[in-house]
Amino acid sequence: MSTMKTNSHAAAALKADRERDKIEAMRDYEAEMLARQANMMRLRALRLAKEKRDAQATTTPRQAKKNQ
């Protein structure tokens, strides 16, 4: 009888360990995903700023014609 209690306690402990591991793995996955998204947003902002600078540098303002 005591071995059944010991086995059930061990099984419960293993189950609890697996649950904690699952929660920790999910937390790590979500943190990595958020970090990846933040990096993509940062890089996108840098690229858009560079494209805007390049577009402004290549387009020269036209001089207005004077009507006489």
Protein backbone atom coordinates (compact mmCIF):
# COMPACT_ATOMS: atom_id res chain seq x y z
CA MET A 1 0.00 0.00 0.00
CA SER A 2 2.79 2.43 0.83
CA THR A 3 4.46 1.79 -2.52
CA MET A 4 1.25 2.83 -4.31
CA LYS A 5 1.23 6.09 -2.35
CA THR A 6 4.89 6.63 -3.14
CA ASN A 7 4.29 5.95 -6.82
CA SER A 8 1.33 8.30 -6.94
CA HIS A 9 3.33 11.01 -5.17
CA ALA A 10 6.20 10.51 -7.59
CA ALA A 11 3.81 10.62 -10.53
CA ALA A 12 2.21 13.79 -9.20
CA ALA A 13 5.64 15.35 -8.72
CA LEU A 14 6.65 14.44 -12.26
CA LYS A 15 3.41 15.85 -13.59
CA ALA A 16 3.96 19.09 -11.67
CA ASP A 17 7.53 19.31 -13.01
CA ARG A 18 6.30 18.84 -16.57
CA GLU A 19 3.66 21.52 -16.07
CA ARG A 20 6.28 23.97 -14.75
CA ASP A 21 8.56 23.14 -17.69
CA LYS A 22 5.67 23.70 -20.09
CA ILE A 23 4.88 27.09 -18.58
CA GLU A 24 8.54 28.12 -18.63
CA ALA A 25 8.96 27.00 -22.24
CA MET A 26 5.88 28.96 -23.28
CA ARG A 27 7.14 32.04 -21.44
CA ASP A 28 10.53 31.75 -23.19
CA TYR A 29 8.86 31.26 -26.58
CA GLU A 30 6.67 34.33 -26.11
CA ALA A 31 9.62 36.44 -24.93
CA GLU A 32 11.65 35.41 -27.99
CA MET A 33 8.71 36.16 -30.27
CA LEU A 34 8.25 39.64 -28.74
CA ALA A 35 11.98 40.33 -29.03
CA ARG A 36 11.94 39.22 -32.69
CA GLN A 37 8.92 41.44 -33.43
CA ALA A 38 10.53 44.42 -31.69
CA ASN A 39 13.70 43.91 -33.73
CA MET A 40 11.69 43.67 -36.96
CA MET A 41 9.85 46.90 -36.11
CA ARG A 42 13.16 48.63 -35.34
CA LEU A 43 14.72 47.46 -38.59
CA ARG A 44 11.60 48.42 -40.56
CA ALA A 45 11.68 51.93 -39.07
CA LEU A 46 15.36 52.26 -39.98
CA ARG A 47 14.71 51.04 -43.53
CA LEU A 48 11.77 53.40 -44.02
CA ALA A 49 13.80 56.34 -42.70
CA LYS A 50 16.66 55.47 -45.07
CA GLU A 51 14.29 55.13 -48.02
CA LYS A 52 12.76 58.51 -47.16
CA ARG A 53 16.21 60.13 -46.97
CA ASP A 54 17.23 58.52 -50.26
CA ALA A 55 14.03 59.65 -51.95
CA GLN A 56 14.50 63.21 -50.73
CA ALA A 57 18.12 63.25 -51.87
CA THR A 58 17.30 62.03 -55.38
CA THR A 59 14.36 64.34 -55.99
CA THR A 60 15.41 67.91 -56.55
CA PRO A 61 12.82 70.59 -56.11
CA ARG A 62 11.71 72.18 -59.37
CA GLN A 63 12.14 75.86 -59.75
CA ALA A 64 8.92 77.69 -60.38
CA LYS A 65 8.64 79.44 -63.75
CA LYS A 66 8.06 83.12 -63.60
CA ASN A 67 5.20 84.41 -65.71
CA GLN A 68 5.94 87.81 -67.23
